[in-house]
Protein backbone atom coordinates (compact mmCIF):
# COMPACT_ATOMS: atom_id res chain seq x y z
CA MET A 1 -13.42 35.25 54.78
CA GLU A 2 -12.75 35.64 51.05
CA SER A 3 -14.70 32.48 50.33
CA LYS A 4 -17.66 33.70 52.37
CA SER A 5 -17.68 37.06 50.55
CA ARG A 6 -17.55 35.26 47.23
CA LYS A 7 -20.53 33.09 48.18
CA THR A 8 -22.48 36.23 49.13
CA LEU A 9 -21.70 37.84 45.78
CA TYR A 10 -22.80 34.68 43.95
CA SER A 11 -26.08 34.67 45.90
CA ILE A 12 -26.73 38.32 45.06
CA GLY A 13 -25.91 37.60 41.44
CA GLY A 14 -28.36 34.71 41.42
CA ALA A 15 -31.13 36.93 42.84
CA LEU A 16 -30.47 39.61 40.21
CA LEU A 17 -30.55 36.96 37.48
CA LEU A 18 -33.98 35.81 38.68
CA LEU A 19 -35.27 39.41 38.63
CA LEU A 20 -33.92 39.85 35.10
CA LEU A 21 -35.58 36.63 33.94
CA TRP A 22 -38.82 37.73 35.57
CA GLN A 23 -38.66 41.07 33.77
CA LEU A 24 -37.95 39.42 30.41
CA LEU A 25 -40.85 36.97 30.77
CA SER A 26 -43.20 39.81 31.70
CA THR A 27 -42.05 42.03 28.82
CA LEU A 28 -41.51 39.59 25.98
CA GLY A 29 -44.43 37.36 26.81
CA ASN A 30 -46.96 40.20 26.83
CA SER A 31 -48.14 38.84 30.17
CA GLY A 32 -48.18 42.04 32.19
CA PHE A 33 -51.56 41.11 33.65
CA LEU A 34 -50.79 37.54 34.68
CA LEU A 35 -47.12 38.21 35.37
CA PRO A 36 -46.64 41.83 36.41
CA PRO A 37 -43.07 43.17 36.12
CA PRO A 38 -40.90 43.30 39.26
CA HIS A 39 -41.16 47.07 39.79
CA ARG A 40 -44.99 46.94 39.99
CA VAL A 41 -44.91 44.04 42.44
CA LEU A 42 -42.31 45.77 44.59
CA SER A 43 -44.37 48.97 44.55
CA THR A 44 -47.40 47.01 45.76
CA LEU A 45 -45.23 45.38 48.44
CA PHE A 46 -44.09 48.76 49.79
CA ARG A 47 -47.66 50.06 49.86
CA MET A 48 -48.82 46.98 51.75
CA PHE A 49 -46.19 47.33 54.45
CA SER A 50 -46.69 51.05 54.87
CA ARG A 51 -49.64 49.99 57.01
CA GLY A 52 -49.30 48.11 60.30
CA GLU A 53 -51.86 45.49 59.35
CA SER A 54 -49.49 43.67 57.00
CA TRP A 55 -46.84 43.40 59.70
CA LEU A 56 -49.39 41.82 62.05
CA ILE A 57 -50.34 39.31 59.35
CA VAL A 58 -46.70 38.27 58.89
CA ALA A 59 -46.22 38.07 62.66
CA SER A 60 -49.31 35.85 63.02
CA SER A 61 -48.20 33.31 60.40
CA THR A 62 -44.57 33.41 61.50
CA SER A 63 -45.35 32.81 65.17
CA ARG A 64 -47.49 29.76 64.37
CA ILE A 65 -44.99 28.19 61.98
CA VAL A 66 -41.93 28.91 64.13
CA LEU A 67 -43.67 27.47 67.21
CA SER A 68 -44.53 24.36 65.19
CA ILE A 69 -40.93 24.03 63.92
CA LEU A 70 -39.49 24.28 67.43
CA ALA A 71 -41.97 21.81 68.94
CA ALA A 72 -41.53 19.28 66.13
CA THR A 73 -37.74 19.61 66.31
CA PHE A 74 -37.73 18.95 70.05
CA ALA A 75 -39.99 15.92 69.58
CA ALA A 76 -37.83 14.60 66.72
CA ILE A 77 -34.66 14.88 68.83
CA LEU A 78 -36.30 13.07 71.75
CA PHE A 79 -37.81 10.29 69.63
CA ALA A 80 -34.64 9.82 67.57
CA TRP A 81 -32.57 9.46 70.74
CA CYS A 82 -34.98 6.90 72.18
CA ALA A 83 -35.10 4.99 68.89
CA SER A 84 -31.30 4.89 68.69
CA ARG A 85 -31.18 3.34 72.17
CA LEU A 86 -34.24 1.06 72.02
CA ARG A 87 -34.37 -1.27 69.03
CA GLY A 88 -38.02 -2.19 69.60
CA PHE A 89 -39.08 1.45 69.74
CA ARG A 90 -37.18 2.09 66.49
CA PHE A 91 -39.26 -0.54 64.66
CA VAL A 92 -42.49 0.83 66.14
CA MET A 93 -41.64 4.24 64.69
CA ILE A 94 -40.96 3.00 61.15
CA PRO A 95 -44.62 2.77 59.92
CA LEU A 96 -45.57 6.03 61.67
CA VAL A 97 -42.76 7.98 60.07
CA GLN A 98 -43.42 6.35 56.70
CA VAL A 99 -47.05 7.52 56.79
CA MET A 100 -45.92 11.07 57.58
CA LYS A 101 -43.56 10.99 54.61
CA ALA A 102 -45.79 9.25 52.06
CA VAL A 103 -49.27 10.72 52.57
CA PRO A 104 -49.76 14.01 50.62
CA ILE A 105 -49.93 17.10 52.81
CA VAL A 106 -53.25 18.10 51.22
CA SER A 107 -54.79 14.84 52.46
CA PHE A 108 -53.60 15.51 56.00
CA ILE A 109 -54.97 19.07 55.83
CA LEU A 110 -58.41 18.00 54.57
CA ILE A 111 -58.72 15.27 57.21
CA ALA A 112 -57.38 17.41 60.05
CA MET A 113 -59.79 20.27 59.23
CA PHE A 114 -62.63 18.14 60.64
CA PHE A 115 -60.95 17.93 64.05
CA MET A 116 -58.86 21.08 64.50
CA GLY A 117 -59.26 24.81 64.55
CA GLU A 118 -57.31 26.92 62.08
CA THR A 119 -54.50 27.80 64.52
CA VAL A 120 -53.91 24.23 65.69
CA LEU A 121 -54.19 23.03 62.09
CA THR A 122 -51.27 25.21 60.98
CA LEU A 123 -49.19 24.03 63.92
CA PHE A 124 -50.01 20.39 63.25
CA ILE A 125 -49.36 20.45 59.50
CA SER A 126 -46.06 22.33 59.75
CA GLY A 127 -44.87 20.00 62.49
CA LEU A 128 -45.92 16.98 60.45
CA VAL A 129 -43.46 18.01 57.75
CA VAL A 130 -40.60 18.87 60.09
CA PHE A 131 -40.70 15.81 62.35
CA PRO A 132 -39.86 12.97 59.91
CA MET A 133 -37.05 14.90 58.21
CA ILE A 134 -35.20 15.71 61.40
CA TYR A 135 -36.06 12.37 63.04
CA ASN A 136 -34.60 10.29 60.17
CA HIS A 137 -31.42 12.34 59.88
CA LEU A 138 -30.78 12.37 63.61
CA LEU A 139 -31.56 8.69 64.03
CA SER A 140 -28.99 7.86 61.37
CA ALA A 141 -26.47 10.22 62.99
CA PHE A 142 -27.01 8.75 66.47
CA ILE A 143 -26.72 5.17 65.24
CA HIS A 144 -23.57 5.86 63.24
CA VAL A 145 -21.62 7.83 65.83
CA ASP A 146 -17.96 6.82 65.56
CA LYS A 147 -17.69 3.57 67.53
CA LYS A 148 -13.96 4.05 67.94
CA LEU A 149 -14.49 7.34 69.75
CA LEU A 150 -17.10 5.71 71.97
CA GLU A 151 -14.61 2.94 72.80
CA MET A 152 -11.99 5.56 73.62
CA ALA A 153 -14.49 7.26 75.91
CA ARG A 154 -15.09 3.99 77.78
CA VAL A 155 -11.34 3.38 78.17
CA PHE A 156 -10.86 6.82 79.69
CA ALA A 157 -14.04 6.58 81.80
CA PHE A 158 -15.93 9.51 80.29
CA ARG A 159 -19.13 10.47 82.05
CA LYS A 160 -22.36 10.03 80.08
CA ARG A 161 -22.83 13.77 79.77
CA GLU A 162 -19.28 14.10 78.39
CA ILE A 163 -19.96 11.43 75.76
CA LEU A 164 -23.14 13.25 74.78
CA ARG A 165 -21.58 16.71 74.77
CA TYR A 166 -18.19 16.07 73.19
CA ILE A 167 -18.79 13.07 70.93
CA ILE A 168 -22.46 12.58 70.01
CA ILE A 169 -23.52 16.22 69.59
CA PRO A 170 -20.50 17.29 67.46
CA GLN A 171 -20.85 14.20 65.26
CA SER A 172 -24.60 14.74 64.79
CA ARG A 173 -24.47 18.52 64.34
CA GLU A 174 -24.13 18.77 60.56
CA GLU A 175 -26.81 16.14 59.92
CA PHE A 176 -29.17 18.05 62.21
CA LEU A 177 -28.44 21.43 60.63
CA ALA A 178 -28.83 20.12 57.08
CA ALA A 179 -32.16 18.48 57.95
CA SER A 180 -33.35 21.63 59.75
CA SER A 181 -32.51 23.84 56.79
CA VAL A 182 -34.68 21.78 54.43
CA ALA A 183 -37.43 21.13 56.98
CA ILE A 184 -37.93 24.83 57.78
CA GLY A 185 -38.57 25.68 54.13
CA MET A 186 -41.00 22.77 53.83
CA ALA A 187 -42.74 23.83 57.04
CA TRP A 188 -43.52 27.23 55.54
CA LYS A 189 -44.96 25.69 52.40
CA ALA A 190 -47.14 23.28 54.37
CA GLY A 191 -48.17 25.88 56.94
CA VAL A 192 -49.28 28.44 54.36
CA ALA A 193 -51.09 25.71 52.42
CA ALA A 194 -53.01 24.88 55.59
CA GLU A 195 -53.85 28.58 56.04
CA VAL A 196 -55.16 28.75 52.46
CA LEU A 197 -57.38 25.68 52.73
CA ALA A 198 -58.66 26.56 56.21
CA PHE A 199 -59.31 30.24 55.32
CA SER A 200 -57.32 31.27 58.41
CA LYS A 201 -58.07 34.89 59.18
CA GLY A 202 -55.19 37.35 59.46
CA THR A 203 -52.58 35.07 57.88
CA ILE A 204 -50.37 35.13 54.81
CA GLY A 205 -52.23 32.15 53.36
CA ARG A 206 -55.63 33.85 53.63
CA HIS A 207 -54.39 37.01 51.90
CA MET A 208 -52.76 34.97 49.13
CA TYR A 209 -56.06 33.18 48.58
CA ASP A 210 -58.02 36.47 48.48
CA ALA A 211 -55.55 37.93 45.97
CA LYS A 212 -55.92 34.87 43.77
CA LEU A 213 -59.72 34.99 44.09
CA TYR A 214 -59.83 38.58 42.84
CA LEU A 215 -57.09 38.01 40.23
CA ASP A 216 -54.92 40.62 41.97
CA MET A 217 -51.64 39.20 40.64
CA GLU A 218 -49.52 42.05 41.93
CA LYS A 219 -50.66 41.45 45.47
CA LEU A 220 -50.42 37.66 45.07
CA LEU A 221 -46.80 37.94 43.93
CA ALA A 222 -46.07 40.51 46.66
CA TRP A 223 -47.28 38.08 49.33
CA THR A 224 -45.25 35.34 47.64
CA LEU A 225 -42.15 37.51 48.03
CA VAL A 226 -43.04 38.05 51.68
CA LEU A 227 -43.36 34.29 52.14
CA VAL A 228 -39.96 33.68 50.54
CA ALA A 229 -38.30 36.39 52.64
CA ALA A 230 -39.90 35.21 55.89
CA SER A 231 -38.92 31.58 55.22
CA PHE A 232 -35.34 32.64 54.37
CA LEU A 233 -34.95 34.78 57.51
CA VAL A 234 -36.46 32.18 59.85
CA GLU A 235 -34.23 29.49 58.37
CA LYS A 236 -31.08 31.60 58.75
CA LEU A 237 -31.96 32.60 62.32
CA ILE A 238 -32.87 29.12 63.55
CA VAL A 239 -30.05 27.30 61.76
CA GLY A 240 -27.50 29.98 62.67
CA PHE A 241 -28.52 29.99 66.33
CA SER A 242 -28.51 26.18 66.41
CA ARG A 243 -25.03 26.07 64.86
CA LEU A 244 -23.62 28.56 67.36
CA THR A 245 -25.26 26.76 70.29
CA LEU A 246 -24.17 23.26 69.29
CA THR A 247 -20.64 24.44 68.47
CA TRP A 248 -20.41 26.11 71.87
CA ILE A 249 -21.76 23.02 73.66
CA GLY A 250 -19.24 20.61 72.17
CA GLY A 251 -16.33 22.94 71.45
CA LYS A 252 -14.74 23.72 74.77
CA LEU A 253 -14.35 22.20 78.22
CA PRO A 254 -15.41 24.16 81.28
CA GLY A 255 -12.69 25.58 83.48
CA PRO A 256 -10.82 23.39 86.00
CA ARG A 257 -12.80 22.47 89.08
CA MET A 258 -11.93 20.97 92.43
CA ASN A 259 -11.96 17.19 92.45
CA LYS A 260 -13.23 15.72 95.71
CA THR A 261 -12.35 12.12 94.88
CA PRO A 262 -8.88 12.05 93.31
CA LEU A 263 -7.66 8.88 91.66
CA PRO A 264 -4.96 6.84 93.43
CA SER A 265 -1.37 7.85 92.69
CA ARG A 266 0.69 5.90 90.20
CA GLY A 267 2.52 2.94 91.60
CA ASN A 268 -0.11 2.17 94.26
CA ALA A 269 -2.25 -0.04 92.09
CA GLY A 270 -3.80 -2.94 93.88
CA CYS A 271 -5.12 -5.75 91.70
CA GLN A 272 -5.43 -9.49 91.76
CA THR A 273 -2.53 -11.06 89.84
CA ASP A 274 -0.80 -14.36 89.44
CA GLY A 275 2.39 -13.50 91.40
CA LYS A 276 5.89 -14.89 91.19
CA ALA A 277 8.82 -13.80 93.34
CA ASP A 278 11.90 -12.09 91.92
CA GLY A 279 15.45 -12.76 93.13
CA ASN A 280 14.95 -10.59 96.23
CA GLY A 281 11.79 -12.35 97.29
CA ASN A 282 9.47 -9.54 96.14
CA GLU A 283 6.32 -10.47 94.30
CA VAL A 284 6.34 -9.75 90.56
CA LYS A 285 2.92 -9.17 89.06
CA THR A 286 2.17 -11.30 86.04
CA ILE A 287 -0.57 -11.71 83.46
CA ALA A 288 -1.39 -15.34 82.65
CA ILE A 289 -2.93 -16.25 79.29
CA ARG A 290 -4.25 -19.81 79.07
CA GLY A 291 -5.81 -21.60 76.10
CA LEU A 292 -6.58 -18.37 74.26
CA SER A 293 -8.42 -18.65 70.94
CA LYS A 294 -9.73 -15.77 68.84
CA GLN A 295 -11.23 -15.75 65.37
CA PHE A 296 -12.64 -12.96 63.18
CA ASP A 297 -15.07 -14.30 60.58
CA GLU A 298 -13.16 -17.18 58.95
CA SER A 299 -9.71 -15.96 59.99
CA ALA A 300 -8.18 -17.46 63.15
CA VAL A 301 -5.75 -15.12 64.93
CA PHE A 302 -4.98 -17.24 68.02
CA LYS A 303 -5.56 -20.89 68.73
CA ASP A 304 -4.83 -22.41 72.15
CA PHE A 305 -2.33 -19.63 72.87
CA ASN A 306 -0.60 -19.60 76.28
CA ALA A 307 1.72 -17.00 77.75
CA VAL A 308 2.87 -15.50 81.05
CA LEU A 309 3.81 -11.80 81.00
CA ARG A 310 5.94 -10.47 83.86
CA LEU A 311 5.08 -6.85 84.59
CA ASP A 312 8.29 -5.83 86.38
CA ARG A 313 9.50 -4.34 83.08
CA PRO A 314 7.78 -3.02 79.96
CA VAL A 315 6.61 -5.84 77.69
CA ILE A 316 6.93 -5.38 73.94
CA LEU A 317 4.88 -7.52 71.55
CA THR A 318 6.68 -7.94 68.25
CA GLY A 319 5.79 -9.68 65.01
CA ALA A 320 4.91 -9.14 61.39
CA SER A 321 1.92 -7.07 60.32
CA GLY A 322 -1.27 -9.03 60.80
CA SER A 323 0.30 -11.42 63.30
CA GLY A 324 -2.11 -10.37 66.05
CA LYS A 325 -0.16 -7.87 68.17
CA THR A 326 -2.99 -5.37 68.33
CA THR A 327 -5.57 -8.12 68.85
CA LEU A 328 -3.62 -9.56 71.79
CA LEU A 329 -3.24 -6.08 73.27
CA ARG A 330 -6.98 -5.49 73.00
CA LEU A 331 -7.76 -8.92 74.46
CA ILE A 332 -5.56 -8.23 77.47
CA ALA A 333 -7.12 -4.78 77.90
CA GLY A 334 -10.63 -6.26 77.76
CA LEU A 335 -11.60 -4.41 74.57
CA GLU A 336 -12.12 -7.75 72.80
CA LYS A 337 -13.54 -10.95 74.23
CA PRO A 338 -11.72 -14.25 73.62
CA ASP A 339 -13.63 -17.06 71.93
CA GLU A 340 -11.99 -19.50 74.32
CA GLY A 341 -9.46 -19.34 77.13
CA THR A 342 -8.76 -17.02 80.04
CA ILE A 343 -6.60 -13.99 80.77
CA THR A 344 -5.96 -13.37 84.47
CA GLY A 345 -3.91 -10.96 86.52
CA VAL A 346 -4.75 -7.90 84.43
CA PRO A 347 -4.79 -4.63 86.43
CA GLU A 348 -8.24 -3.12 86.36
CA ARG A 349 -7.71 0.50 85.35
CA GLY A 350 -5.82 0.64 82.09
CA VAL A 351 -5.53 3.33 79.42
CA PHE A 352 -4.73 2.91 75.76
CA VAL A 353 -2.78 4.59 72.96
CA PHE A 354 -4.68 3.30 69.94
CA GLN A 355 -3.15 2.86 66.49
CA ASP A 356 -5.54 5.54 65.27
CA ASN A 357 -5.30 8.55 67.55
CA ARG A 358 -9.03 8.88 68.39
CA LEU A 359 -8.80 12.51 69.40
CA LEU A 360 -11.82 14.77 69.76
CA PRO A 361 -11.27 16.93 66.67
CA GLN A 362 -13.18 20.02 67.79
CA LEU A 363 -11.41 20.28 71.18
CA SER A 364 -8.06 21.98 71.58
CA ALA A 365 -4.94 19.91 72.20
CA ARG A 366 -5.03 21.02 75.83
CA ASP A 367 -8.69 20.08 76.28
CA ASN A 368 -8.11 16.64 74.73
CA ILE A 369 -5.87 15.97 77.72
CA ARG A 370 -7.91 17.84 80.33
CA ILE A 371 -11.01 15.80 79.58
CA VAL A 372 -9.38 12.59 80.92
CA LEU A 373 -8.13 14.26 84.12
CA PRO A 374 -9.97 14.66 87.42
CA GLY A 375 -11.38 18.16 87.68
CA TYR A 376 -10.19 18.93 84.12
CA ASP A 377 -6.76 19.72 85.55
CA GLY A 378 -4.93 22.12 83.24
CA ASN A 379 -1.56 22.09 85.00
CA ARG A 380 -0.79 18.45 84.22
CA ALA A 381 -1.99 18.94 80.65
CA ASP A 382 0.36 21.89 80.22
CA MET A 383 3.28 19.94 81.66
CA LEU A 384 2.80 17.02 79.28
CA LEU A 385 2.34 19.30 76.28
CA GLU A 386 5.59 21.05 77.18
CA GLN A 387 7.48 17.79 77.58
CA LEU A 388 6.28 16.53 74.19
CA GLY A 389 6.96 19.78 72.34
CA LEU A 390 3.29 20.67 71.87
CA ALA A 391 3.09 23.83 73.97
CA SER A 392 2.92 26.06 70.90
CA VAL A 393 -0.19 24.30 69.57
CA LYS A 394 -2.00 23.66 72.84
CA ASN A 395 -4.92 25.93 71.97
CA GLN A 396 -5.36 24.65 68.41
CA PRO A 397 -8.20 22.21 67.62
CA ALA A 398 -6.87 18.67 67.33
CA SER A 399 -8.17 18.46 63.76
CA THR A 400 -5.69 21.16 62.66
CA LEU A 401 -2.58 19.38 64.00
CA SER A 402 -0.17 17.42 61.84
CA GLY A 403 -0.04 13.61 61.99
CA GLY A 404 3.01 13.63 64.25
CA GLU A 405 1.48 16.24 66.56
CA GLN A 406 -1.73 14.25 66.84
CA ARG A 407 0.28 11.13 67.67
CA ARG A 408 2.15 12.88 70.47
CA LEU A 409 -1.13 14.31 71.73
CA ALA A 410 -2.67 10.82 71.88
CA LEU A 411 0.37 9.66 73.86
CA ALA A 412 0.11 12.64 76.23
CA ARG A 413 -3.58 11.88 76.83
CA ALA A 414 -2.76 8.28 77.81
CA LEU A 415 0.04 9.35 80.15
CA ALA A 416 -2.05 12.04 81.84
CA PRO A 417 -4.46 10.15 84.16
CA ASP A 418 -3.43 7.85 86.99
CA SER A 419 -3.81 4.27 85.83
CA GLU A 420 -2.75 0.75 86.77
CA ILE A 421 -1.42 -0.30 83.35
CA LEU A 422 -0.62 1.35 80.01
CA TYR A 423 -1.27 -0.21 76.60
CA LEU A 424 0.67 1.41 73.75
CA ASP A 425 -0.18 0.24 70.23
CA GLU A 426 2.56 1.49 67.88
CA ALA A 427 2.81 4.58 70.07
CA PHE A 428 5.82 6.09 68.28
CA ARG A 429 4.72 5.73 64.66
CA GLU A 430 4.65 8.85 62.46
CA LEU A 431 7.18 10.61 64.73
CA ASP A 432 10.37 12.21 63.52
CA GLU A 433 13.62 11.46 65.30
CA VAL A 434 13.47 14.40 67.74
CA SER A 435 9.80 13.85 68.62
CA GLU A 436 10.32 10.12 69.08
CA GLU A 437 13.24 10.76 71.44
CA LYS A 438 11.10 13.11 73.58
CA SER A 439 8.21 10.66 73.60
CA ARG A 440 10.37 7.68 74.42
CA ALA A 441 12.09 9.57 77.28
CA LEU A 442 8.72 10.41 78.79
CA VAL A 443 7.56 6.79 78.47
CA CYS A 444 10.77 5.67 80.17
CA GLN A 445 9.95 7.89 83.16
CA ILE A 446 6.53 6.28 83.48
CA ALA A 447 7.77 2.73 82.84
CA GLY A 448 9.37 2.41 86.26
CA LYS A 449 6.14 3.31 88.03
CA ILE A 450 3.37 1.25 86.38
CA PRO A 451 3.16 -1.84 84.14
CA MET A 452 3.27 -1.21 80.42
CA ILE A 453 2.60 -3.38 77.35
CA LEU A 454 3.57 -2.13 73.90
CA SER A 455 3.14 -3.46 70.39
CA SER A 456 5.76 -2.40 67.88
CA HIS A 457 7.65 -3.32 64.74
CA ASP A 458 10.73 -1.53 66.12
CA HIS A 459 12.94 -4.13 67.81
CA THR A 460 15.36 -1.43 68.99
CA LEU A 461 12.75 -0.35 71.55
CA ILE A 462 13.51 -3.49 73.55
CA GLY A 463 16.94 -2.17 74.46
CA ARG A 464 15.93 1.47 74.65
CA LEU A 465 13.16 0.79 77.15
CA ASP A 466 14.97 -2.06 78.91
CA ALA A 467 11.95 -4.17 78.05
CA SER A 468 11.19 -7.85 77.74
CA SER A 469 9.71 -8.99 74.45
CA MET A 470 7.38 -11.63 73.06
CA ALA A 471 7.23 -12.50 69.38
CA ILE A 472 3.70 -13.07 68.04
CA SER A 473 2.95 -15.24 65.03
CA LYS A 474 -0.51 -15.55 63.51
CA CYS A 475 -2.66 -18.38 64.79
CA GLY A 476 -0.01 -19.13 67.40
CA SER A 477 -0.48 -22.33 69.38
CA LYS A 478 2.37 -22.16 71.82
CA THR A 479 3.45 -21.25 75.29
CA ASN A 480 5.46 -18.11 76.03
CA SER A 481 6.95 -16.96 79.29
CA ILE A 482 8.83 -13.69 79.59
């Protein structure tokens, strides 16, 4: 609040400084005729707006330019979205947008005057300025949406509208608002220029031209002040409304709703596996890795790697940093494709605790869990938050949580939905002793119900979780069976 008040004071100070400079130039430069002092211009301004005609003039220009801004913005959003999805369409748009950016506005106005009436001309010229600015910024934002968050959304089976609402819109918001702020000011300049050249009756541009024609500098500067004020107010209203709307759209989940197709309960997962019998004759599900090879650029991570993972207990992948633990985990989960080899017996519905938390920063801790649950169930979210010591921060945005709190929240999100297998990549890093104990106890509860594969540097987890382990070495070419 203090920062906002300070910014307001600085803005007022800047405006007063401009008025002072204006007064000095008018007084010291003996240019009272060409540059009337502020008090004379303001007096003329008040006289103008004591009559209703001036208000109608402002309303006429404002309605045309605002309509043009809104239409061009809608078109830019639509075209940018299509271009981000269709590579061919993106290349088709490049020369068109370049022409809009490069050709002087005056040239467009003079050409368009042969084909358009004055009202349509103002709409067209203003929109021509707005469209490429917003299109280019949004296209860049859409293309560069965080790929890690999109991958997280696929792992947790987000709906398309959820990806749009909670990932794409929040990540594109600031780019859109920044582009809109600049584009609105430019739209006013271009729109009034079109009114001047087309002699549009009953508009700000026409009255500015008449004032210039009769050397009425006081009236010309008064209309200039009106133009600045109208542009400022329209920008603040449109950008402010857009910010509130976009923040509301992506900032909070709707309330819980009934789920007509609940997911299967834990422990009832049915998937095709390579099975082996345990000592009691019961089938033990296994994952078989045969001839696996994986290379990134010139660096080989696995070469002809073979392993069989028994899923009757948690499996912990150990090894030095860079040995390929995370890569193997992602290959098993289907997040990476092997260059050669096969991986069979993997349960279909798996969820992941990534090394980086991949939380939705604008959503509360509670909503980060609710979003992966059928019907946005709040009860299960509350239970997990309580168990992991996060109840006190459940309504805080994820971006405001500490590193350890975010880590526990990522773990809670993975444990929330019903799944057939859990992948935990360094799930307990950044946790203090108390938090790690709570997290590990909760994982132990889940471990007896569904298969679980973990990567970790902590060898003590093997005993704590009663897990089997497999040591990974870079570019392994060996056979493991656990």
